[in-house]
Amino acid sequence: QLQASGGGLVQAGGSLTLSCAASGPSYSRYAFGWFRQAPGKGREFVAAISRNGRFINYNDSVKGRFTCSKDSAKKMVYLQMNGMKPEDTAIYYCAAKQTILTVDPPTEAANYDTWGQGTQVTVSS
């Protein structure tokens, strides 16, 4: 199971850190992704991190502003968001995919088999 937290209201240019807590014994077998869904829009890829944490993919719209990381000892995945923009407003979801691959974490939502409940992020202008 996954539980995302850390959302809230922030002014443009501000920062937030989202956390995703993973429960279960197989944390090390999973790649993790962050996705977001704005009102009236489809689910959008944000970032993904490989099971060993060495490979990270980002949506071009967040490169240089967002950082995805993981803490295997705590079974946590993080999304540090800096320089936030109003267009970052969305519900953010963490997701997990069990995989044998240690490279190139997936960027397509359909590739993930476990999802958290989402946390609302609102960026005011």
C-alpha atoms as a PDB file:
ATOM      1  CA  GLN A   1       0.000   0.000   0.000  1.00  0.00           C
ATOM      2  CA  LEU A   2       1.000   3.588  -0.611  1.00  0.00           C
ATOM      3  CA  GLN A   3       0.070   6.686   1.316  1.00  0.00           C
ATOM      4  CA  ALA A   4       0.934  10.127  -0.003  1.00  0.00           C
ATOM      5  CA  SER A   5       1.108  13.209   2.179  1.00  0.00           C
ATOM      6  CA  GLY A   6       2.561  16.693   2.292  1.00  0.00           C
ATOM      7  CA  GLY A   7       0.226  18.546  -0.024  1.00  0.00           C
ATOM      8  CA  GLY A   8      -1.085  21.996   0.745  1.00  0.00           C
ATOM      9  CA  LEU A   9      -1.382  25.571  -0.379  1.00  0.00           C
ATOM     10  CA  VAL A  10       1.746  27.441  -1.440  1.00  0.00           C
ATOM     11  CA  GLN A  11       2.431  30.696  -3.218  1.00  0.00           C
ATOM     12  CA  ALA A  12       4.030  30.763  -6.630  1.00  0.00           C
ATOM     13  CA  GLY A  13       7.774  30.400  -6.277  1.00  0.00           C
ATOM     14  CA  GLY A  14       7.417  28.464  -3.054  1.00  0.00           C
ATOM     15  CA  SER A  15       8.289  24.888  -2.145  1.00  0.00           C
ATOM     16  CA  LEU A  16       6.599  21.739  -0.921  1.00  0.00           C
ATOM     17  CA  THR A  17       7.824  18.235  -0.279  1.00  0.00           C
ATOM     18  CA  LEU A  18       5.496  15.322  -0.883  1.00  0.00           C
ATOM     19  CA  SER A  19       6.076  12.027   0.862  1.00  0.00           C
ATOM     20  CA  CYS A  20       4.903   8.580  -0.061  1.00  0.00           C
ATOM     21  CA  ALA A  21       5.011   5.843   2.553  1.00  0.00           C
ATOM     22  CA  ALA A  22       5.130   2.295   1.240  1.00  0.00           C
ATOM     23  CA  SER A  23       4.056  -0.609   3.378  1.00  0.00           C
ATOM     24  CA  GLY A  24       4.814  -4.262   2.774  1.00  0.00           C
ATOM     25  CA  PRO A  25       7.938  -6.433   2.589  1.00  0.00           C
ATOM     26  CA  SER A  26       8.796  -5.951  -1.087  1.00  0.00           C
ATOM     27  CA  TYR A  27       9.763  -2.287  -1.216  1.00  0.00           C
ATOM     28  CA  SER A  28      13.111  -3.031  -2.871  1.00  0.00           C
ATOM     29  CA  ARG A  29      11.407  -4.711  -5.828  1.00  0.00           C
ATOM     30  CA  TYR A  30       9.491  -1.603  -6.846  1.00  0.00           C
ATOM     31  CA  ALA A  31      10.033   1.390  -9.042  1.00  0.00           C
ATOM     32  CA  PHE A  32       8.009   4.410  -7.933  1.00  0.00           C
ATOM     33  CA  GLY A  33       6.355   7.200  -9.820  1.00  0.00           C
ATOM     34  CA  TRP A  34       4.646  10.495  -9.125  1.00  0.00           C
ATOM     35  CA  PHE A  35       1.692  11.574 -11.227  1.00  0.00           C
ATOM     36  CA  ARG A  36      -0.691  14.483 -11.014  1.00  0.00           C
ATOM     37  CA  GLN A  37      -4.173  15.286 -12.189  1.00  0.00           C
ATOM     38  CA  ALA A  38      -5.463  18.816 -12.547  1.00  0.00           C
ATOM     39  CA  PRO A  39      -9.199  19.560 -12.675  1.00  0.00           C
ATOM     40  CA  GLY A  40     -10.661  18.560 -16.023  1.00  0.00           C
ATOM     41  CA  LYS A  41      -7.422  16.993 -17.217  1.00  0.00           C
ATOM     42  CA  GLY A  42      -5.970  13.517 -17.477  1.00  0.00           C
ATOM     43  CA  ARG A  43      -3.349  12.020 -15.236  1.00  0.00           C
ATOM     44  CA  GLU A  44       0.095  13.393 -16.047  1.00  0.00           C
ATOM     45  CA  PHE A  45       3.488  11.882 -15.378  1.00  0.00           C
ATOM     46  CA  VAL A  46       5.684  13.956 -13.064  1.00  0.00           C
ATOM     47  CA  ALA A  47       8.682  11.861 -12.008  1.00  0.00           C
ATOM     48  CA  ALA A  48       9.769   8.265 -11.562  1.00  0.00           C
ATOM     49  CA  ILE A  49      12.626   6.615  -9.714  1.00  0.00           C
ATOM     50  CA  SER A  50      14.099   3.188 -10.316  1.00  0.00           C
ATOM     51  CA  ARG A  51      14.095   0.466  -7.691  1.00  0.00           C
ATOM     52  CA  ASN A  52      17.726   1.142  -6.833  1.00  0.00           C
ATOM     53  CA  GLY A  53      17.234   4.921  -6.879  1.00  0.00           C
ATOM     54  CA  ARG A  54      19.967   5.468  -9.455  1.00  0.00           C
ATOM     55  CA  PHE A  55      17.741   6.346 -12.393  1.00  0.00           C
ATOM     56  CA  ILE A  56      15.162   9.094 -12.333  1.00  0.00           C
ATOM     57  CA  ASN A  57      12.902  10.347 -15.106  1.00  0.00           C
ATOM     58  CA  TYR A  58      11.183  13.732 -15.060  1.00  0.00           C
ATOM     59  CA  ASN A  59       8.491  15.401 -17.069  1.00  0.00           C
ATOM     60  CA  ASP A  60      10.114  18.234 -18.978  1.00  0.00           C
ATOM     61  CA  SER A  61       7.766  20.703 -17.287  1.00  0.00           C
ATOM     62  CA  VAL A  62       9.293  19.991 -13.859  1.00  0.00           C
ATOM     63  CA  LYS A  63      12.942  19.376 -14.720  1.00  0.00           C
ATOM     64  CA  GLY A  64      15.207  21.592 -12.696  1.00  0.00           C
ATOM     65  CA  ARG A  65      12.425  22.390 -10.216  1.00  0.00           C
ATOM     66  CA  PHE A  66      11.343  19.022  -8.807  1.00  0.00           C
ATOM     67  CA  THR A  67      13.531  16.316  -7.292  1.00  0.00           C
ATOM     68  CA  CYS A  68      12.434  12.743  -6.743  1.00  0.00           C
ATOM     69  CA  SER A  69      14.247  10.629  -4.170  1.00  0.00           C
ATOM     70  CA  LYS A  70      13.775   7.585  -2.000  1.00  0.00           C
ATOM     71  CA  ASP A  71      14.846   6.344   1.401  1.00  0.00           C
ATOM     72  CA  SER A  72      14.892   2.571   1.324  1.00  0.00           C
ATOM     73  CA  ALA A  73      15.503   2.234   5.056  1.00  0.00           C
ATOM     74  CA  LYS A  74      12.306   4.148   5.772  1.00  0.00           C
ATOM     75  CA  LYS A  75      10.390   2.776   2.767  1.00  0.00           C
ATOM     76  CA  MET A  76       9.672   6.313   1.657  1.00  0.00           C
ATOM     77  CA  VAL A  77       9.611   8.138  -1.662  1.00  0.00           C
ATOM     78  CA  TYR A  78       9.781  11.917  -1.859  1.00  0.00           C
ATOM     79  CA  LEU A  79       9.018  14.654  -4.341  1.00  0.00           C
ATOM     80  CA  GLN A  80      10.719  17.923  -3.498  1.00  0.00           C
ATOM     81  CA  MET A  81       9.027  20.725  -5.409  1.00  0.00           C
ATOM     82  CA  ASN A  82      10.719  24.104  -5.746  1.00  0.00           C
ATOM     83  CA  GLY A  83       9.929  27.154  -7.823  1.00  0.00           C
ATOM     84  CA  MET A  84       6.320  26.141  -7.936  1.00  0.00           C
ATOM     85  CA  LYS A  85       3.930  27.552 -10.501  1.00  0.00           C
ATOM     86  CA  PRO A  86       0.131  27.841 -10.582  1.00  0.00           C
ATOM     87  CA  GLU A  87       0.104  25.203 -13.324  1.00  0.00           C
ATOM     88  CA  ASP A  88       1.526  22.727 -10.793  1.00  0.00           C
ATOM     89  CA  THR A  89      -1.854  22.788  -9.037  1.00  0.00           C
ATOM     90  CA  ALA A  90      -3.242  19.251  -9.042  1.00  0.00           C
ATOM     91  CA  ILE A  91      -3.861  16.161  -7.002  1.00  0.00           C
ATOM     92  CA  TYR A  92      -0.551  14.330  -6.770  1.00  0.00           C
ATOM     93  CA  TYR A  93      -0.407  10.554  -6.651  1.00  0.00           C
ATOM     94  CA  CYS A  94       2.401   8.171  -5.918  1.00  0.00           C
ATOM     95  CA  ALA A  95       2.458   4.819  -7.639  1.00  0.00           C
ATOM     96  CA  ALA A  96       4.538   1.662  -7.549  1.00  0.00           C
ATOM     97  CA  LYS A  97       5.473  -0.945 -10.082  1.00  0.00           C
ATOM     98  CA  GLN A  98       7.040  -4.246  -9.207  1.00  0.00           C
ATOM     99  CA  THR A  99       9.878  -4.822 -11.632  1.00  0.00           C
ATOM    100  CA  ILE A 100      13.119  -6.710 -12.104  1.00  0.00           C
ATOM    101  CA  LEU A 101      14.582  -3.768 -13.972  1.00  0.00           C
ATOM    102  CA  THR A 102      16.943  -1.406 -12.186  1.00  0.00           C
ATOM    103  CA  VAL A 103      17.034   1.206 -14.933  1.00  0.00           C
ATOM    104  CA  ASP A 104      14.638   3.513 -16.785  1.00  0.00           C
ATOM    105  CA  PRO A 105      11.649   3.737 -14.440  1.00  0.00           C
ATOM    106  CA  PRO A 106       8.354   3.826 -16.358  1.00  0.00           C
ATOM    107  CA  THR A 107       6.649   7.100 -17.212  1.00  0.00           C
ATOM    108  CA  GLU A 108       3.272   5.710 -18.274  1.00  0.00           C
ATOM    109  CA  ALA A 109       0.546   5.477 -15.651  1.00  0.00           C
ATOM    110  CA  ALA A 110      -0.708   2.224 -17.162  1.00  0.00           C
ATOM    111  CA  ASN A 111       2.565   0.539 -16.183  1.00  0.00           C
ATOM    112  CA  TYR A 112       1.975   1.049 -12.472  1.00  0.00           C
ATOM    113  CA  ASP A 113      -0.024  -1.465 -10.494  1.00  0.00           C
ATOM    114  CA  THR A 114      -0.329   0.133  -7.059  1.00  0.00           C
ATOM    115  CA  TRP A 115      -1.567   3.662  -6.347  1.00  0.00           C
ATOM    116  CA  GLY A 116      -1.838   5.874  -3.310  1.00  0.00           C
ATOM    117  CA  GLN A 117      -4.846   8.015  -2.490  1.00  0.00           C
ATOM    118  CA  GLY A 118      -3.496  11.372  -3.710  1.00  0.00           C
ATOM    119  CA  THR A 119      -2.681  14.633  -2.000  1.00  0.00           C
ATOM    120  CA  GLN A 120      -3.877  18.059  -3.109  1.00  0.00           C
ATOM    121  CA  VAL A 121      -1.331  20.680  -4.086  1.00  0.00           C
ATOM    122  CA  THR A 122      -2.523  24.219  -4.777  1.00  0.00           C
ATOM    123  CA  VAL A 123      -0.230  26.975  -5.998  1.00  0.00           C
ATOM    124  CA  SER A 124      -1.585  30.497  -5.781  1.00  0.00           C
ATOM    125  CA  SER A 125      -0.414  33.232  -8.114  1.00  0.00           C
END
